[in-house]
Amino acid sequence: MKAGASLAGLGGRSACAVAFAGLVLSAGTTSAAEYKFKTDYSAYLAGVPVGKATLSGTFDGPQYRLDGYGKLTGLAGAVYDYTASASSAGRLMSGGTQPRAFSVDATDGKKSAKVRMTMNQDGVRRLKLTPPVPKEWYKHPNRVQVTDAHTKNTIDPMSALIVAGGNTPSGIDKRACERTVPIYNGRERFDVTLEFRKIESISSSDVPGGQVLVCGAHYRAIAGHRTDKKEVEMAEKIDIELKLAPVAGSDLLVPYRISIPTPIGLAVIQAGATTTTGALNTRAAALGE
């Protein structure tokens, strides 16, 4: 299997786009299930609104599905025009998620791209990229090739957004910030390393219990990237702050606020209201491997 991609440049607008693309998740049509949630997000660059997205999930026992749509327009609609829809489906496992399918449809108004991927803990079973990646792209001498071994025991970017078992009866579990998340998006294999910073009180009706978990987050390229690209080196030096909030009726944590420094100001993705239906009776923390 071949896969991989260069990292987008991390100047102001593209840094915001990278973060925003991970949150381009929204409600899809599903049959009745035991539990659903939906969270709205807004994106800002240097304090100026640049886009919106939603994150939603539907859970039927340990089975989950995330679906979505979002739009990043940029300053006065003139800096960037990016829209994407995405889906992920899989199973809650003890301490995490095991995705089985992932898809993305994205466009900047001029070019479009699609990803279709099925996977399990042993790696990627099928992968289709549209348009196909040119053979020359793979052959670049500085390209770190993605191998089957690289994709084993990885999760997709959408599944990485929900932290199963992070909200316990006694409160938020700080161990949700003491881990490395291995991610494969169909092109690039990378790690996001999280470190615990603090548990912070929030005076907002949108946060059950009034507390969020504050993590430091750092990107590390594993494969699919080019070692001669300055953008990769820059990305690995960025100090991202991630705040995770509980979702009512579940033991899940989801992003509440993501802050990324850029050369033209702070890029922020901020959660608004969350709506829920039912209760997630199948607690991820109680599931076996």
Protein backbone atom coordinates (compact mmCIF):
# COMPACT_ATOMS: atom_id res chain seq x y z
CA MET A 1 0.00 0.00 0.00
CA LYS A 2 1.26 3.47 -0.84
CA ALA A 3 0.11 6.60 0.91
CA GLY A 4 1.39 9.94 2.13
CA ALA A 5 1.18 13.70 1.67
CA SER A 6 3.15 16.86 2.36
CA LEU A 7 1.99 19.04 5.23
CA ALA A 8 0.22 22.24 4.29
CA GLY A 9 2.22 25.42 4.99
CA LEU A 10 1.60 26.77 8.45
CA GLY A 11 1.45 30.50 7.81
CA GLY A 12 -1.62 32.15 9.37
CA ARG A 13 -4.45 31.00 7.13
CA SER A 14 -3.13 27.48 6.50
CA ALA A 15 -2.45 26.83 10.20
CA CYS A 16 -6.06 27.69 10.92
CA ALA A 17 -7.13 25.49 8.01
CA VAL A 18 -5.15 22.52 9.32
CA ALA A 19 -6.81 22.75 12.72
CA PHE A 20 -10.21 23.53 11.28
CA ALA A 21 -10.09 20.58 8.89
CA GLY A 22 -9.79 18.29 11.91
CA LEU A 23 -13.03 19.74 13.28
CA VAL A 24 -15.05 19.69 10.07
CA LEU A 25 -17.50 17.25 11.55
CA SER A 26 -21.26 17.58 11.67
CA ALA A 27 -24.60 15.87 11.99
CA GLY A 28 -25.63 13.21 9.50
CA THR A 29 -28.87 11.30 9.07
CA THR A 30 -28.96 8.15 11.17
CA SER A 31 -31.51 5.73 12.48
CA ALA A 32 -32.67 5.94 16.07
CA ALA A 33 -29.88 5.03 18.46
CA GLU A 34 -29.26 5.09 22.16
CA TYR A 35 -27.25 8.32 22.31
CA LYS A 36 -26.49 11.39 20.19
CA PHE A 37 -24.63 14.64 20.68
CA LYS A 38 -23.92 17.69 18.54
CA THR A 39 -21.51 20.58 19.23
CA ASP A 40 -21.19 23.79 17.22
CA TYR A 41 -17.79 25.40 16.69
CA SER A 42 -16.55 28.79 15.50
CA ALA A 43 -13.07 29.51 14.10
CA TYR A 44 -11.17 32.77 14.64
CA LEU A 45 -7.87 34.16 13.40
CA ALA A 46 -6.41 37.06 15.37
CA GLY A 47 -9.86 37.51 16.93
CA VAL A 48 -11.69 37.74 13.60
CA PRO A 49 -14.35 35.10 12.72
CA VAL A 50 -13.16 32.93 9.81
CA GLY A 51 -15.45 29.90 9.80
CA LYS A 52 -17.87 27.50 11.45
CA ALA A 53 -18.22 23.75 11.94
CA THR A 54 -20.14 21.20 13.96
CA LEU A 55 -19.13 17.91 15.58
CA SER A 56 -21.78 15.27 16.13
CA GLY A 57 -21.84 11.67 17.13
CA THR A 58 -24.37 8.85 17.13
CA PHE A 59 -23.80 5.83 19.37
CA ASP A 60 -25.59 2.48 19.38
CA GLY A 61 -24.04 0.48 22.17
CA PRO A 62 -20.27 0.48 21.56
CA GLN A 63 -20.74 1.37 17.88
CA TYR A 64 -20.20 5.02 16.96
CA ARG A 65 -20.51 7.25 13.92
CA LEU A 66 -19.25 10.80 13.41
CA ASP A 67 -20.46 12.85 10.43
CA GLY A 68 -19.94 16.37 9.37
CA TYR A 69 -19.63 19.54 7.38
CA GLY A 70 -17.80 22.81 7.95
CA LYS A 71 -16.69 25.96 6.17
CA LEU A 72 -13.62 28.16 6.56
CA THR A 73 -13.98 31.45 4.66
CA GLY A 74 -11.19 33.64 6.01
CA LEU A 75 -11.02 37.36 6.62
CA ALA A 76 -13.96 39.09 4.92
CA GLY A 77 -14.35 35.93 2.83
CA ALA A 78 -11.24 36.85 0.85
CA VAL A 79 -8.42 34.92 2.49
CA TYR A 80 -9.59 31.34 2.17
CA ASP A 81 -12.57 29.37 0.92
CA TYR A 82 -12.48 25.83 2.25
CA THR A 83 -15.37 23.44 2.81
CA ALA A 84 -15.32 19.80 3.83
CA SER A 85 -17.57 16.97 4.87
CA ALA A 86 -16.32 13.93 6.70
CA SER A 87 -17.45 10.63 8.21
CA SER A 88 -15.96 8.12 10.58
CA ALA A 89 -17.44 4.93 12.00
CA GLY A 90 -16.10 2.36 14.40
CA ARG A 91 -16.30 0.85 17.87
CA LEU A 92 -15.58 2.23 21.32
CA MET A 93 -12.83 0.26 23.02
CA SER A 94 -11.44 0.40 26.53
CA GLY A 95 -9.42 3.60 26.64
CA GLY A 96 -10.07 4.60 23.03
CA THR A 97 -11.69 4.01 19.68
CA GLN A 98 -11.23 1.49 16.87
CA PRO A 99 -12.34 3.04 13.56
CA ARG A 100 -13.38 0.90 10.63
CA ALA A 101 -14.23 3.51 7.97
CA PHE A 102 -13.20 7.09 7.23
CA SER A 103 -14.06 9.46 4.40
CA VAL A 104 -13.49 13.10 3.49
CA ASP A 105 -14.78 15.35 0.70
CA ALA A 106 -13.00 18.72 0.58
CA THR A 107 -12.72 21.66 -1.79
CA ASP A 108 -11.15 25.12 -1.83
CA GLY A 109 -13.53 26.29 -4.57
CA LYS A 110 -11.09 25.41 -7.35
CA LYS A 111 -9.86 21.92 -6.59
CA SER A 112 -11.53 19.01 -4.83
CA ALA A 113 -10.17 15.95 -3.05
CA LYS A 114 -11.71 12.77 -1.66
CA VAL A 115 -10.49 10.10 0.73
CA ARG A 116 -12.15 6.71 1.17
CA MET A 117 -10.55 4.36 3.67
CA THR A 118 -11.44 1.22 5.60
CA MET A 119 -9.25 0.07 8.45
CA ASN A 120 -8.86 -2.05 11.56
CA GLN A 121 -6.23 -2.50 14.27
CA ASP A 122 -3.99 -4.33 11.78
CA GLY A 123 -3.91 -1.33 9.45
CA VAL A 124 -5.59 -0.06 6.32
CA ARG A 125 -7.60 -2.59 4.33
CA ARG A 126 -8.60 -0.37 1.41
CA LEU A 127 -7.69 3.18 0.41
CA LYS A 128 -8.82 5.34 -2.50
CA LEU A 129 -7.66 8.92 -3.06
CA THR A 130 -9.38 11.11 -5.66
CA PRO A 131 -7.63 12.51 -7.59
CA PRO A 132 -4.94 9.81 -7.37
CA VAL A 133 -1.57 10.91 -6.07
CA PRO A 134 0.92 11.16 -9.00
CA LYS A 135 3.61 8.50 -9.05
CA GLU A 136 6.24 11.25 -9.09
CA TRP A 137 5.00 12.34 -5.68
CA TYR A 138 5.92 8.99 -4.16
CA LYS A 139 9.30 8.87 -5.89
CA HIS A 140 10.69 12.09 -4.42
CA PRO A 141 14.01 11.19 -2.71
CA ASN A 142 13.06 13.13 0.45
CA ARG A 143 9.64 11.54 0.82
CA VAL A 144 9.20 9.22 3.82
CA GLN A 145 7.10 6.41 2.40
CA VAL A 146 4.08 5.14 4.34
CA THR A 147 4.26 1.39 4.86
CA ASP A 148 1.67 -1.09 6.09
CA ALA A 149 3.49 -1.16 9.42
CA HIS A 150 3.00 2.60 9.80
CA THR A 151 -0.80 2.24 9.67
CA LYS A 152 -1.12 -0.56 12.23
CA ASN A 153 -2.93 0.46 15.44
CA THR A 154 -3.72 3.95 14.15
CA ILE A 155 -6.95 5.96 14.18
CA ASP A 156 -8.38 8.50 11.76
CA PRO A 157 -8.44 12.26 12.57
CA MET A 158 -12.17 12.29 13.36
CA SER A 159 -12.04 9.35 15.76
CA ALA A 160 -9.14 11.13 17.46
CA LEU A 161 -11.48 13.97 18.45
CA ILE A 162 -13.51 11.92 20.93
CA VAL A 163 -11.79 10.71 24.09
CA ALA A 164 -13.64 7.61 25.26
CA GLY A 165 -13.62 7.04 29.00
CA GLY A 166 -12.10 10.44 29.82
CA ASN A 167 -15.10 11.61 31.88
CA THR A 168 -15.44 9.51 35.03
CA PRO A 169 -18.01 9.55 37.87
CA SER A 170 -15.39 11.28 40.05
CA GLY A 171 -14.52 13.88 37.42
CA ILE A 172 -12.27 14.40 34.41
CA ASP A 173 -9.42 11.89 34.10
CA LYS A 174 -6.17 13.79 33.49
CA ARG A 175 -4.71 10.70 31.82
CA ALA A 176 -6.62 11.80 28.70
CA CYS A 177 -3.76 14.33 28.39
CA GLU A 178 -0.98 11.84 29.11
CA ARG A 179 -0.79 9.92 25.84
CA THR A 180 0.31 9.91 22.22
CA VAL A 181 -2.38 9.63 19.54
CA PRO A 182 -1.25 7.76 16.37
CA ILE A 183 -3.17 9.20 13.40
CA TYR A 184 -3.39 8.23 9.74
CA ASN A 185 -5.53 10.31 7.37
CA GLY A 186 -5.06 8.31 4.18
CA ARG A 187 -2.04 10.34 3.13
CA GLU A 188 0.07 11.17 6.14
CA ARG A 189 1.01 9.23 9.27
CA PHE A 190 1.69 11.43 12.28
CA ASP A 191 1.53 11.47 16.07
CA VAL A 192 -0.13 14.05 18.30
CA THR A 193 1.55 13.95 21.70
CA LEU A 194 -0.53 15.29 24.58
CA GLU A 195 0.72 16.50 27.95
CA PHE A 196 -1.31 17.39 31.02
CA ARG A 197 -1.30 21.06 32.04
CA LYS A 198 -4.24 21.60 34.39
CA ILE A 199 -7.94 21.16 35.07
CA GLU A 200 -9.61 24.55 34.62
CA SER A 201 -12.94 25.82 35.92
CA ILE A 202 -15.23 27.28 33.24
CA SER A 203 -18.29 29.40 34.00
CA SER A 204 -20.36 28.26 31.05
CA SER A 205 -23.64 26.37 30.83
CA ASP A 206 -22.15 24.62 27.78
CA VAL A 207 -19.68 22.67 29.98
CA PRO A 208 -21.17 19.95 32.23
CA GLY A 209 -19.57 20.10 35.66
CA GLY A 210 -17.96 23.45 34.89
CA GLN A 211 -14.46 22.06 34.26
CA VAL A 212 -12.27 21.39 31.21
CA LEU A 213 -9.06 19.44 30.83
CA VAL A 214 -6.19 21.56 29.48
CA CYS A 215 -3.54 19.75 27.43
CA GLY A 216 -0.46 20.76 25.51
CA ALA A 217 -0.41 19.16 22.04
CA HIS A 218 2.49 18.66 19.65
CA TYR A 219 2.60 17.30 16.11
CA ARG A 220 5.30 14.84 15.02
CA ALA A 221 5.64 13.67 11.44
CA ILE A 222 6.09 9.91 11.03
CA ALA A 223 5.64 9.15 7.31
CA GLY A 224 4.14 10.60 4.14
CA HIS A 225 5.97 13.90 4.57
CA ARG A 226 9.10 15.29 2.92
CA THR A 227 12.10 15.73 5.16
CA ASP A 228 13.29 18.78 3.20
CA LYS A 229 10.11 20.81 3.83
CA LYS A 230 10.43 23.69 6.30
CA GLU A 231 6.69 23.48 6.97
CA VAL A 232 7.16 20.13 8.71
CA GLU A 233 9.91 21.52 10.94
CA MET A 234 7.73 24.53 11.75
CA ALA A 235 4.71 22.36 12.55
CA GLU A 236 6.70 20.23 14.98
CA LYS A 237 7.72 23.35 16.92
CA ILE A 238 4.22 24.76 17.37
CA ASP A 239 2.88 24.64 20.92
CA ILE A 240 -0.86 23.92 20.63
CA GLU A 241 -3.23 24.20 23.56
CA LEU A 242 -6.20 21.84 23.63
CA LYS A 243 -9.08 22.06 26.10
CA LEU A 244 -11.34 19.02 26.41
CA ALA A 245 -14.85 19.16 27.87
CA PRO A 246 -17.24 16.43 29.07
CA VAL A 247 -20.32 15.58 27.01
CA ALA A 248 -23.45 15.26 29.12
CA GLY A 249 -24.88 11.75 29.43
CA SER A 250 -21.62 10.02 28.49
CA ASP A 251 -18.07 9.31 29.58
CA LEU A 252 -16.73 11.13 26.51
CA LEU A 253 -14.54 14.22 26.23
CA VAL A 254 -14.51 16.37 23.08
CA PRO A 255 -12.56 19.50 22.09
CA TYR A 256 -13.82 22.66 23.77
CA ARG A 257 -11.12 25.05 22.55
CA ILE A 258 -8.04 24.64 20.33
CA SER A 259 -5.48 27.46 20.22
CA ILE A 260 -2.66 27.56 17.65
CA PRO A 261 -0.13 30.40 17.38
CA THR A 262 0.51 31.63 13.81
CA PRO A 263 2.68 34.41 12.33
CA ILE A 264 -0.39 36.67 11.93
CA GLY A 265 -2.18 35.96 15.18
CA LEU A 266 -3.71 33.22 17.29
CA ALA A 267 -5.91 30.70 15.46
CA VAL A 268 -8.72 29.51 17.73
CA ILE A 269 -11.49 26.95 17.35
CA GLN A 270 -14.09 27.44 20.07
CA ALA A 271 -17.05 25.25 20.99
CA GLY A 272 -20.49 26.70 21.57
CA ALA A 273 -23.62 24.91 22.66
CA THR A 274 -23.83 21.11 22.82
CA THR A 275 -27.13 19.25 22.52
CA THR A 276 -27.60 15.63 23.56
CA THR A 277 -30.27 12.96 23.27
CA GLY A 278 -30.44 9.86 25.46
CA ALA A 279 -27.57 8.49 27.50
CA LEU A 280 -24.49 6.51 26.56
CA ASN A 281 -25.21 3.48 28.70
CA THR A 282 -22.34 1.49 27.17
CA ARG A 283 -19.45 3.22 28.92
CA ALA A 284 -16.20 3.06 27.00
CA ALA A 285 -14.17 2.79 30.18
CA ALA A 286 -15.92 -0.49 31.03
CA LEU A 287 -15.32 -2.15 27.67
CA GLY A 288 -12.70 -4.84 27.12
CA GLU A 289 -10.22 -4.90 24.29
